[in-house]
Amino acid sequence: MSPSSQAVFPRQVGMRYTVELKPKAEKDLKAMPRDEARCMYDAHMALETELTGDIKKLKDRWPEYRLRKGNWAARFEIEGDKIVVYRIRHRREAYRSEELCCCTHK
């Protein structure tokens, strides 16, 4: 990925994040194959120290970020020093809004 195509994330040097998995995201993680779930969980925990990995800021979508790991995509939002993960879905299902929303955001 070229530097001009990388997403810009709202972070400060040395900032630490708390990662919160919403109940639907926890359920999604438990339904995944064990090895892939471990890989995705580790990717989320790595976000606590730095926003790295295959992360993309989405246009005209809520939540506005996605982290992709293999065939799985997690949709999340950054709220101050907290990363809130709403859903973890297979890539073919990750952008269907009716399966994603678990609250009143839009």
PDB file of N, CA and C in Angstrom:
ATOM      1  N   MET A   1       0.850  -1.181   0.000  1.00  0.00           N
ATOM      2  CA  MET A   1       0.000   0.000   0.000  1.00  0.00           C
ATOM      3  C   MET A   1       0.890   1.236   0.000  1.00  0.00           C
ATOM      4  N   SER A   2       0.618   2.140  -0.871  1.00  0.00           N
ATOM      5  CA  SER A   2       1.420   3.359  -0.941  1.00  0.00           C
ATOM      6  C   SER A   2       1.031   4.296   0.193  1.00  0.00           C
ATOM      7  N   PRO A   3       1.949   5.168   0.626  1.00  0.00           N
ATOM      8  CA  PRO A   3       1.643   6.086   1.731  1.00  0.00           C
ATOM      9  C   PRO A   3       0.429   6.951   1.472  1.00  0.00           C
ATOM     10  N   SER A   4       0.181   7.324   0.232  1.00  0.00           N
ATOM     11  CA  SER A   4      -0.960   8.195  -0.052  1.00  0.00           C
ATOM     12  C   SER A   4      -2.296   7.466   0.049  1.00  0.00           C
ATOM     13  N   SER A   5      -2.279   6.113  -0.050  1.00  0.00           N
ATOM     14  CA  SER A   5      -3.541   5.381   0.021  1.00  0.00           C
ATOM     15  C   SER A   5      -3.836   4.833   1.408  1.00  0.00           C
ATOM     16  N   GLN A   6      -2.927   5.031   2.354  1.00  0.00           N
ATOM     17  CA  GLN A   6      -3.168   4.548   3.703  1.00  0.00           C
ATOM     18  C   GLN A   6      -4.171   5.448   4.409  1.00  0.00           C
ATOM     19  N   ALA A   7      -5.000   4.817   5.230  1.00  0.00           N
ATOM     20  CA  ALA A   7      -5.991   5.578   5.983  1.00  0.00           C
ATOM     21  C   ALA A   7      -5.302   6.369   7.087  1.00  0.00           C
ATOM     22  N   VAL A   8      -5.880   7.490   7.444  1.00  0.00           N
ATOM     23  CA  VAL A   8      -5.366   8.304   8.534  1.00  0.00           C
ATOM     24  C   VAL A   8      -6.225   8.032   9.759  1.00  0.00           C
ATOM     25  N   PHE A   9      -5.588   7.713  10.855  1.00  0.00           N
ATOM     26  CA  PHE A   9      -6.312   7.354  12.066  1.00  0.00           C
ATOM     27  C   PHE A   9      -6.118   8.414  13.136  1.00  0.00           C
ATOM     28  N   PRO A  10      -7.158   8.654  13.941  1.00  0.00           N
ATOM     29  CA  PRO A  10      -7.069   9.653  15.007  1.00  0.00           C
ATOM     30  C   PRO A  10      -6.280   9.120  16.189  1.00  0.00           C
ATOM     31  N   ARG A  11      -4.957   9.245  16.152  1.00  0.00           N
ATOM     32  CA  ARG A  11      -4.159   8.733  17.255  1.00  0.00           C
ATOM     33  C   ARG A  11      -3.064   9.712  17.603  1.00  0.00           C
ATOM     34  N   GLN A  12      -2.569   9.551  18.804  1.00  0.00           N
ATOM     35  CA  GLN A  12      -1.460  10.352  19.260  1.00  0.00           C
ATOM     36  C   GLN A  12      -0.313   9.405  19.571  1.00  0.00           C
ATOM     37  N   VAL A  13       0.916   9.909  19.476  1.00  0.00           N
ATOM     38  CA  VAL A  13       2.078   9.086  19.765  1.00  0.00           C
ATOM     39  C   VAL A  13       2.000   8.585  21.203  1.00  0.00           C
ATOM     40  N   GLY A  14       2.186   7.292  21.376  1.00  0.00           N
ATOM     41  CA  GLY A  14       2.177   6.703  22.711  1.00  0.00           C
ATOM     42  C   GLY A  14       0.794   6.493  23.303  1.00  0.00           C
ATOM     43  N   MET A  15      -0.252   6.777  22.551  1.00  0.00           N
ATOM     44  CA  MET A  15      -1.608   6.610  23.074  1.00  0.00           C
ATOM     45  C   MET A  15      -1.976   5.139  23.155  1.00  0.00           C
ATOM     46  N   ARG A  16      -2.604   4.760  24.245  1.00  0.00           N
ATOM     47  CA  ARG A  16      -3.066   3.389  24.423  1.00  0.00           C
ATOM     48  C   ARG A  16      -4.584   3.375  24.346  1.00  0.00           C
ATOM     49  N   TYR A  17      -5.098   2.315  23.782  1.00  0.00           N
ATOM     50  CA  TYR A  17      -6.537   2.161  23.632  1.00  0.00           C
ATOM     51  C   TYR A  17      -7.020   0.998  24.478  1.00  0.00           C
ATOM     52  N   THR A  18      -8.271   1.060  24.853  1.00  0.00           N
ATOM     53  CA  THR A  18      -8.965  -0.059  25.472  1.00  0.00           C
ATOM     54  C   THR A  18      -9.857  -0.655  24.399  1.00  0.00           C
ATOM     55  N   VAL A  19      -9.793  -1.970  24.218  1.00  0.00           N
ATOM     56  CA  VAL A  19     -10.611  -2.631  23.212  1.00  0.00           C
ATOM     57  C   VAL A  19     -11.823  -3.245  23.905  1.00  0.00           C
ATOM     58  N   GLU A  20     -13.004  -2.857  23.442  1.00  0.00           N
ATOM     59  CA  GLU A  20     -14.260  -3.393  23.983  1.00  0.00           C
ATOM     60  C   GLU A  20     -14.969  -4.176  22.885  1.00  0.00           C
ATOM     61  N   LEU A  21     -15.271  -5.433  23.169  1.00  0.00           N
ATOM     62  CA  LEU A  21     -16.049  -6.252  22.238  1.00  0.00           C
ATOM     63  C   LEU A  21     -17.504  -6.206  22.681  1.00  0.00           C
ATOM     64  N   LYS A  22     -18.373  -5.744  21.808  1.00  0.00           N
ATOM     65  CA  LYS A  22     -19.802  -5.758  22.094  1.00  0.00           C
ATOM     66  C   LYS A  22     -20.288  -7.215  22.129  1.00  0.00           C
ATOM     67  N   PRO A  23     -21.425  -7.492  22.773  1.00  0.00           N
ATOM     68  CA  PRO A  23     -21.913  -8.875  22.874  1.00  0.00           C
ATOM     69  C   PRO A  23     -22.023  -9.597  21.525  1.00  0.00           C
ATOM     70  N   LYS A  24     -22.482  -8.909  20.482  1.00  0.00           N
ATOM     71  CA  LYS A  24     -22.583  -9.560  19.180  1.00  0.00           C
ATOM     72  C   LYS A  24     -21.207  -9.911  18.630  1.00  0.00           C
ATOM     73  N   ALA A  25     -20.207  -9.075  18.882  1.00  0.00           N
ATOM     74  CA  ALA A  25     -18.845  -9.361  18.428  1.00  0.00           C
ATOM     75  C   ALA A  25     -18.291 -10.567  19.183  1.00  0.00           C
ATOM     76  N   GLU A  26     -18.566 -10.664  20.482  1.00  0.00           N
ATOM     77  CA  GLU A  26     -18.132 -11.827  21.257  1.00  0.00           C
ATOM     78  C   GLU A  26     -18.784 -13.100  20.731  1.00  0.00           C
ATOM     79  N   LYS A  27     -20.054 -13.018  20.414  1.00  0.00           N
ATOM     80  CA  LYS A  27     -20.779 -14.166  19.871  1.00  0.00           C
ATOM     81  C   LYS A  27     -20.205 -14.563  18.507  1.00  0.00           C
ATOM     82  N   ASP A  28     -19.916 -13.564  17.669  1.00  0.00           N
ATOM     83  CA  ASP A  28     -19.312 -13.837  16.368  1.00  0.00           C
ATOM     84  C   ASP A  28     -17.969 -14.542  16.531  1.00  0.00           C
ATOM     85  N   LEU A  29     -17.161 -14.069  17.475  1.00  0.00           N
ATOM     86  CA  LEU A  29     -15.845 -14.644  17.711  1.00  0.00           C
ATOM     87  C   LEU A  29     -15.956 -16.104  18.155  1.00  0.00           C
ATOM     88  N   LYS A  30     -16.912 -16.383  19.021  1.00  0.00           N
ATOM     89  CA  LYS A  30     -17.108 -17.755  19.506  1.00  0.00           C
ATOM     90  C   LYS A  30     -17.595 -18.698  18.407  1.00  0.00           C
ATOM     91  N   ALA A  31     -18.274 -18.156  17.400  1.00  0.00           N
ATOM     92  CA  ALA A  31     -18.803 -18.978  16.309  1.00  0.00           C
ATOM     93  C   ALA A  31     -17.762 -19.262  15.224  1.00  0.00           C
ATOM     94  N   MET A  32     -16.634 -18.561  15.260  1.00  0.00           N
ATOM     95  CA  MET A  32     -15.588 -18.735  14.255  1.00  0.00           C
ATOM     96  C   MET A  32     -14.780 -20.004  14.536  1.00  0.00           C
ATOM     97  N   PRO A  33     -14.127 -20.556  13.500  1.00  0.00           N
ATOM     98  CA  PRO A  33     -13.186 -21.650  13.745  1.00  0.00           C
ATOM     99  C   PRO A  33     -12.116 -21.190  14.741  1.00  0.00           C
ATOM    100  N   ARG A  34     -11.725 -22.062  15.638  1.00  0.00           N
ATOM    101  CA  ARG A  34     -10.852 -21.706  16.762  1.00  0.00           C
ATOM    102  C   ARG A  34      -9.567 -20.993  16.341  1.00  0.00           C
ATOM    103  N   ASP A  35      -8.843 -21.523  15.348  1.00  0.00           N
ATOM    104  CA  ASP A  35      -7.583 -20.901  14.927  1.00  0.00           C
ATOM    105  C   ASP A  35      -7.800 -19.498  14.378  1.00  0.00           C
ATOM    106  N   GLU A  36      -8.842 -19.323  13.589  1.00  0.00           N
ATOM    107  CA  GLU A  36      -9.130 -18.013  13.009  1.00  0.00           C
ATOM    108  C   GLU A  36      -9.623 -17.040  14.085  1.00  0.00           C
ATOM    109  N   ALA A  37     -10.373 -17.547  15.050  1.00  0.00           N
ATOM    110  CA  ALA A  37     -10.844 -16.703  16.148  1.00  0.00           C
ATOM    111  C   ALA A  37      -9.659 -16.210  16.981  1.00  0.00           C
ATOM    112  N   ARG A  38      -8.694 -17.080  17.243  1.00  0.00           N
ATOM    113  CA  ARG A  38      -7.506 -16.694  18.017  1.00  0.00           C
ATOM    114  C   ARG A  38      -6.723 -15.615  17.265  1.00  0.00           C
ATOM    115  N   CYS A  39      -6.572 -15.802  15.978  1.00  0.00           N
ATOM    116  CA  CYS A  39      -5.851 -14.836  15.148  1.00  0.00           C
ATOM    117  C   CYS A  39      -6.555 -13.472  15.168  1.00  0.00           C
ATOM    118  N   MET A  40      -7.876 -13.468  15.033  1.00  0.00           N
ATOM    119  CA  MET A  40      -8.643 -12.222  15.051  1.00  0.00           C
ATOM    120  C   MET A  40      -8.584 -11.577  16.440  1.00  0.00           C
ATOM    121  N   TYR A  41      -8.695 -12.382  17.491  1.00  0.00           N
ATOM    122  CA  TYR A  41      -8.618 -11.851  18.859  1.00  0.00           C
ATOM    123  C   TYR A  41      -7.258 -11.188  19.089  1.00  0.00           C
ATOM    124  N   ASP A  42      -6.192 -11.860  18.679  1.00  0.00           N
ATOM    125  CA  ASP A  42      -4.850 -11.293  18.838  1.00  0.00           C
ATOM    126  C   ASP A  42      -4.709  -9.978  18.072  1.00  0.00           C
ATOM    127  N   ALA A  43      -5.301  -9.912  16.871  1.00  0.00           N
ATOM    128  CA  ALA A  43      -5.245  -8.679  16.086  1.00  0.00           C
ATOM    129  C   ALA A  43      -5.953  -7.535  16.811  1.00  0.00           C
ATOM    130  N   HIS A  44      -7.067  -7.847  17.471  1.00  0.00           N
ATOM    131  CA  HIS A  44      -7.782  -6.811  18.225  1.00  0.00           C
ATOM    132  C   HIS A  44      -6.992  -6.361  19.445  1.00  0.00           C
ATOM    133  N   MET A  45      -6.366  -7.289  20.134  1.00  0.00           N
ATOM    134  CA  MET A  45      -5.593  -6.913  21.315  1.00  0.00           C
ATOM    135  C   MET A  45      -4.361  -6.092  20.926  1.00  0.00           C
ATOM    136  N   ALA A  46      -3.828  -6.317  19.721  1.00  0.00           N
ATOM    137  CA  ALA A  46      -2.699  -5.514  19.249  1.00  0.00           C
ATOM    138  C   ALA A  46      -3.114  -4.059  19.036  1.00  0.00           C
ATOM    139  N   LEU A  47      -4.397  -3.819  18.808  1.00  0.00           N
ATOM    140  CA  LEU A  47      -4.883  -2.452  18.621  1.00  0.00           C
ATOM    141  C   LEU A  47      -4.747  -1.614  19.890  1.00  0.00           C
ATOM    142  N   GLU A  48      -4.596  -2.261  21.042  1.00  0.00           N
ATOM    143  CA  GLU A  48      -4.459  -1.513  22.293  1.00  0.00           C
ATOM    144  C   GLU A  48      -3.239  -0.600  22.280  1.00  0.00           C
ATOM    145  N   THR A  49      -2.172  -1.027  21.610  1.00  0.00           N
ATOM    146  CA  THR A  49      -0.951  -0.223  21.608  1.00  0.00           C
ATOM    147  C   THR A  49      -0.734   0.555  20.320  1.00  0.00           C
ATOM    148  N   GLU A  50      -1.290   0.077  19.220  1.00  0.00           N
ATOM    149  CA  GLU A  50      -1.109   0.789  17.958  1.00  0.00           C
ATOM    150  C   GLU A  50      -2.158   0.327  16.951  1.00  0.00           C
ATOM    151  N   LEU A  51      -2.648   1.253  16.170  1.00  0.00           N
ATOM    152  CA  LEU A  51      -3.634   0.929  15.141  1.00  0.00           C
ATOM    153  C   LEU A  51      -2.897   0.398  13.907  1.00  0.00           C
ATOM    154  N   THR A  52      -2.596  -0.897  13.944  1.00  0.00           N
ATOM    155  CA  THR A  52      -1.874  -1.516  12.844  1.00  0.00           C
ATOM    156  C   THR A  52      -2.664  -2.697  12.310  1.00  0.00           C
ATOM    157  N   GLY A  53      -2.274  -3.160  11.157  1.00  0.00           N
ATOM    158  CA  GLY A  53      -2.961  -4.276  10.525  1.00  0.00           C
ATOM    159  C   GLY A  53      -3.693  -3.771   9.295  1.00  0.00           C
ATOM    160  N   ASP A  54      -4.528  -4.612   8.752  1.00  0.00           N
ATOM    161  CA  ASP A  54      -5.291  -4.266   7.556  1.00  0.00           C
ATOM    162  C   ASP A  54      -6.537  -3.491   7.982  1.00  0.00           C
ATOM    163  N   ILE A  55      -6.330  -2.227   8.329  1.00  0.00           N
ATOM    164  CA  ILE A  55      -7.398  -1.351   8.812  1.00  0.00           C
ATOM    165  C   ILE A  55      -7.730  -0.351   7.717  1.00  0.00           C
ATOM    166  N   LYS A  56      -8.999  -0.128   7.542  1.00  0.00           N
ATOM    167  CA  LYS A  56      -9.436   0.837   6.532  1.00  0.00           C
ATOM    168  C   LYS A  56     -10.550   1.696   7.115  1.00  0.00           C
ATOM    169  N   LYS A  57     -10.471   2.993   6.845  1.00  0.00           N
ATOM    170  CA  LYS A  57     -11.561   3.890   7.216  1.00  0.00           C
ATOM    171  C   LYS A  57     -12.576   3.829   6.094  1.00  0.00           C
ATOM    172  N   LEU A  58     -13.800   3.485   6.424  1.00  0.00           N
ATOM    173  CA  LEU A  58     -14.850   3.313   5.427  1.00  0.00           C
ATOM    174  C   LEU A  58     -15.578   4.634   5.190  1.00  0.00           C
ATOM    175  N   LYS A  59     -16.012   4.832   3.975  1.00  0.00           N
ATOM    176  CA  LYS A  59     -16.753   6.046   3.622  1.00  0.00           C
ATOM    177  C   LYS A  59     -18.243   5.770   3.725  1.00  0.00           C
ATOM    178  N   ASP A  60     -18.975   6.705   4.293  1.00  0.00           N
ATOM    179  CA  ASP A  60     -20.437   6.627   4.370  1.00  0.00           C
ATOM    180  C   ASP A  60     -20.932   5.346   5.028  1.00  0.00           C
ATOM    181  N   ARG A  61     -20.245   4.885   6.033  1.00  0.00           N
ATOM    182  CA  ARG A  61     -20.640   3.664   6.753  1.00  0.00           C
ATOM    183  C   ARG A  61     -20.512   3.900   8.239  1.00  0.00           C
ATOM    184  N   TRP A  62     -21.259   3.125   8.977  1.00  0.00           N
ATOM    185  CA  TRP A  62     -21.108   3.101  10.423  1.00  0.00           C
ATOM    186  C   TRP A  62     -21.080   1.646  10.835  1.00  0.00           C
ATOM    187  N   PRO A  63     -20.230   1.206  11.724  1.00  0.00           N
ATOM    188  CA  PRO A  63     -19.067   1.921  12.234  1.00  0.00           C
ATOM    189  C   PRO A  63     -18.085   2.217  11.105  1.00  0.00           C
ATOM    190  N   GLU A  64     -17.260   3.209  11.336  1.00  0.00           N
ATOM    191  CA  GLU A  64     -16.491   3.746  10.229  1.00  0.00           C
ATOM    192  C   GLU A  64     -15.168   3.059   9.938  1.00  0.00           C
ATOM    193  N   TYR A  65     -14.773   2.077  10.735  1.00  0.00           N
ATOM    194  CA  TYR A  65     -13.509   1.382  10.485  1.00  0.00           C
ATOM    195  C   TYR A  65     -13.745  -0.113  10.348  1.00  0.00           C
ATOM    196  N   ARG A  66     -12.814  -0.762   9.616  1.00  0.00           N
ATOM    197  CA  ARG A  66     -12.834  -2.208   9.568  1.00  0.00           C
ATOM    198  C   ARG A  66     -11.407  -2.725   9.678  1.00  0.00           C
ATOM    199  N   LEU A  67     -11.274  -3.845  10.361  1.00  0.00           N
ATOM    200  CA  LEU A  67     -10.010  -4.567  10.474  1.00  0.00           C
ATOM    201  C   LEU A  67     -10.229  -5.904   9.798  1.00  0.00           C
ATOM    202  N   ARG A  68      -9.411  -6.201   8.813  1.00  0.00           N
ATOM    203  CA  ARG A  68      -9.564  -7.469   8.118  1.00  0.00           C
ATOM    204  C   ARG A  68      -8.396  -8.378   8.454  1.00  0.00           C
ATOM    205  N   LYS A  69      -8.721  -9.632   8.698  1.00  0.00           N
ATOM    206  CA  LYS A  69      -7.726 -10.660   9.002  1.00  0.00           C
ATOM    207  C   LYS A  69      -8.165 -11.913   8.269  1.00  0.00           C
ATOM    208  N   GLY A  70      -7.460 -12.258   7.202  1.00  0.00           N
ATOM    209  CA  GLY A  70      -7.848 -13.413   6.402  1.00  0.00           C
ATOM    210  C   GLY A  70      -9.199 -13.171   5.751  1.00  0.00           C
ATOM    211  N   ASN A  71     -10.120 -14.110   5.938  1.00  0.00           N
ATOM    212  CA  ASN A  71     -11.462 -13.981   5.369  1.00  0.00           C
ATOM    213  C   ASN A  71     -12.445 -13.299   6.312  1.00  0.00           C
ATOM    214  N   TRP A  72     -11.959 -12.732   7.396  1.00  0.00           N
ATOM    215  CA  TRP A  72     -12.833 -12.139   8.411  1.00  0.00           C
ATOM    216  C   TRP A  72     -12.619 -10.641   8.488  1.00  0.00           C
ATOM    217  N   ALA A  73     -13.686  -9.921   8.747  1.00  0.00           N
ATOM    218  CA  ALA A  73     -13.630  -8.461   8.878  1.00  0.00           C
ATOM    219  C   ALA A  73     -14.362  -8.051  10.146  1.00  0.00           C
ATOM    220  N   ALA A  74     -13.714  -7.217  10.930  1.00  0.00           N
ATOM    221  CA  ALA A  74     -14.324  -6.674  12.136  1.00  0.00           C
ATOM    222  C   ALA A  74     -14.652  -5.218  11.883  1.00  0.00           C
ATOM    223  N   ARG A  75     -15.850  -4.798  12.258  1.00  0.00           N
ATOM    224  CA  ARG A  75     -16.264  -3.403  12.123  1.00  0.00           C
ATOM    225  C   ARG A  75     -16.177  -2.762  13.496  1.00  0.00           C
ATOM    226  N   PHE A  76     -15.486  -1.622  13.559  1.00  0.00           N
ATOM    227  CA  PHE A  76     -15.287  -0.973  14.854  1.00  0.00           C
ATOM    228  C   PHE A  76     -15.292   0.534  14.716  1.00  0.00           C
ATOM    229  N   GLU A  77     -15.325   1.173  15.869  1.00  0.00           N
ATOM    230  CA  GLU A  77     -15.329   2.623  15.956  1.00  0.00           C
ATOM    231  C   GLU A  77     -14.323   3.035  17.017  1.00  0.00           C
ATOM    232  N   ILE A  78     -13.719   4.189  16.834  1.00  0.00           N
ATOM    233  CA  ILE A  78     -12.784   4.731  17.813  1.00  0.00           C
ATOM    234  C   ILE A  78     -13.490   5.848  18.551  1.00  0.00           C
ATOM    235  N   GLU A  79     -13.626   5.683  19.861  1.00  0.00           N
ATOM    236  CA  GLU A  79     -14.294   6.680  20.711  1.00  0.00           C
ATOM    237  C   GLU A  79     -13.301   7.147  21.765  1.00  0.00           C
ATOM    238  N   GLY A  80     -12.573   8.206  21.459  1.00  0.00           N
ATOM    239  CA  GLY A  80     -11.558   8.702  22.389  1.00  0.00           C
ATOM    240  C   GLY A  80     -10.431   7.699  22.527  1.00  0.00           C
ATOM    241  N   ASP A  81     -10.261   7.151  23.743  1.00  0.00           N
ATOM    242  CA  ASP A  81      -9.206   6.164  23.971  1.00  0.00           C
ATOM    243  C   ASP A  81      -9.753   4.740  23.984  1.00  0.00           C
ATOM    244  N   LYS A  82     -10.944   4.557  23.404  1.00  0.00           N
ATOM    245  CA  LYS A  82     -11.576   3.242  23.387  1.00  0.00           C
ATOM    246  C   LYS A  82     -11.896   2.823  21.959  1.00  0.00           C
ATOM    247  N   ILE A  83     -11.611   1.561  21.649  1.00  0.00           N
ATOM    248  CA  ILE A  83     -11.988   0.963  20.379  1.00  0.00           C
ATOM    249  C   ILE A  83     -13.147   0.025  20.666  1.00  0.00           C
ATOM    250  N   VAL A  84     -14.280   0.280  20.032  1.00  0.00           N
ATOM    251  CA  VAL A  84     -15.486  -0.519  20.250  1.00  0.00           C
ATOM    252  C   VAL A  84     -15.711  -1.384  19.005  1.00  0.00           C
ATOM    253  N   VAL A  85     -15.649  -2.709  19.199  1.00  0.00           N
ATOM    254  CA  VAL A  85     -15.836  -3.653  18.102  1.00  0.00           C
ATOM    255  C   VAL A  85     -17.291  -4.106  18.139  1.00  0.00           C
ATOM    256  N   TYR A  86     -18.011  -3.884  17.036  1.00  0.00           N
ATOM    257  CA  TYR A  86     -19.431  -4.204  16.981  1.00  0.00           C
ATOM    258  C   TYR A  86     -19.721  -5.567  16.395  1.00  0.00           C
ATOM    259  N   ARG A  87     -19.053  -5.935  15.313  1.00  0.00           N
ATOM    260  CA  ARG A  87     -19.303  -7.232  14.683  1.00  0.00           C
ATOM    261  C   ARG A  87     -18.012  -7.768  14.091  1.00  0.00           C
ATOM    262  N   ILE A  88     -17.914  -9.080  14.024  1.00  0.00           N
ATOM    263  CA  ILE A  88     -16.834  -9.774  13.331  1.00  0.00           C
ATOM    264  C   ILE A  88     -17.525 -10.763  12.415  1.00  0.00           C
ATOM    265  N   ARG A  89     -17.430 -10.519  11.130  1.00  0.00           N
ATOM    266  CA  ARG A  89     -18.174 -11.326  10.166  1.00  0.00           C
ATOM    267  C   ARG A  89     -17.242 -11.799   9.059  1.00  0.00           C
ATOM    268  N   HIS A  90     -17.688 -12.823   8.343  1.00  0.00           N
ATOM    269  CA  HIS A  90     -16.968 -13.241   7.151  1.00  0.00           C
ATOM    270  C   HIS A  90     -17.012 -12.085   6.164  1.00  0.00           C
ATOM    271  N   ARG A  91     -15.979 -11.944   5.358  1.00  0.00           N
ATOM    272  CA  ARG A  91     -15.896 -10.798   4.438  1.00  0.00           C
ATOM    273  C   ARG A  91     -17.127 -10.643   3.563  1.00  0.00           C
ATOM    274  N   ARG A  92     -17.729 -11.733   3.148  1.00  0.00           N
ATOM    275  CA  ARG A  92     -18.901 -11.620   2.255  1.00  0.00           C
ATOM    276  C   ARG A  92     -20.127 -11.078   2.983  1.00  0.00           C
ATOM    277  N   GLU A  93     -20.124 -11.098   4.317  1.00  0.00           N
ATOM    278  CA  GLU A  93     -21.263 -10.623   5.110  1.00  0.00           C
ATOM    279  C   GLU A  93     -20.975  -9.339   5.878  1.00  0.00           C
ATOM    280  N   ALA A  94     -19.739  -8.913   5.903  1.00  0.00           N
ATOM    281  CA  ALA A  94     -19.307  -7.845   6.812  1.00  0.00           C
ATOM    282  C   ALA A  94     -19.927  -6.480   6.533  1.00  0.00           C
ATOM    283  N   TYR A  95     -20.402  -6.249   5.321  1.00  0.00           N
ATOM    284  CA  TYR A  95     -20.885  -4.910   4.985  1.00  0.00           C
ATOM    285  C   TYR A  95     -22.391  -4.832   4.846  1.00  0.00           C
ATOM    286  N   ARG A  96     -23.075  -5.866   5.253  1.00  0.00           N
ATOM    287  CA  ARG A  96     -24.542  -5.854   5.245  1.00  0.00           C
ATOM    288  C   ARG A  96     -25.013  -5.148   6.506  1.00  0.00           C
ATOM    289  N   SER A  97     -25.532  -3.971   6.349  1.00  0.00           N
ATOM    290  CA  SER A  97     -25.856  -3.134   7.504  1.00  0.00           C
ATOM    291  C   SER A  97     -26.934  -3.732   8.395  1.00  0.00           C
ATOM    292  N   GLU A  98     -27.871  -4.493   7.833  1.00  0.00           N
ATOM    293  CA  GLU A  98     -28.936  -5.052   8.669  1.00  0.00           C
ATOM    294  C   GLU A  98     -28.400  -6.093   9.651  1.00  0.00           C
ATOM    295  N   GLU A  99     -27.245  -6.701   9.336  1.00  0.00           N
ATOM    296  CA  GLU A  99     -26.639  -7.666  10.243  1.00  0.00           C
ATOM    297  C   GLU A  99     -25.666  -7.002  11.200  1.00  0.00           C
ATOM    298  N   LEU A 100     -25.336  -5.763  10.961  1.00  0.00           N
ATOM    299  CA  LEU A 100     -24.265  -5.107  11.685  1.00  0.00           C
ATOM    300  C   LEU A 100     -24.742  -4.312  12.888  1.00  0.00           C
ATOM    301  N   CYS A 101     -25.728  -3.505  12.697  1.00  0.00           N
ATOM    302  CA  CYS A 101     -26.093  -2.537  13.720  1.00  0.00           C
ATOM    303  C   CYS A 101     -26.678  -3.202  14.955  1.00  0.00           C
ATOM    304  N   CYS A 102     -26.171  -2.799  16.097  1.00  0.00           N
ATOM    305  CA  CYS A 102     -26.668  -3.365  17.344  1.00  0.00           C
ATOM    306  C   CYS A 102     -27.092  -2.252  18.301  1.00  0.00           C
ATOM    307  N   CYS A 103     -27.220  -1.048  17.780  1.00  0.00           N
ATOM    308  CA  CYS A 103     -27.673   0.069  18.614  1.00  0.00           C
ATOM    309  C   CYS A 103     -28.322   1.109  17.702  1.00  0.00           C
ATOM    310  N   THR A 104     -28.471   2.312  18.194  1.00  0.00           N
ATOM    311  CA  THR A 104     -29.229   3.322  17.461  1.00  0.00           C
ATOM    312  C   THR A 104     -28.375   4.238  16.590  1.00  0.00           C
ATOM    313  N   HIS A 105     -27.055   4.001  16.480  1.00  0.00           N
ATOM    314  CA  HIS A 105     -26.218   4.834  15.609  1.00  0.00           C
ATOM    315  C   HIS A 105     -26.637   4.702  14.169  1.00  0.00           C
ATOM    316  N   LYS A 106     -26.504   5.733  13.423  1.00  0.00           N
ATOM    317  CA  LYS A 106     -26.700   5.726  11.959  1.00  0.00           C
ATOM    318  C   LYS A 106     -26.035   6.921  11.375  1.00  0.00           C
TER     319      LYS A 106
END
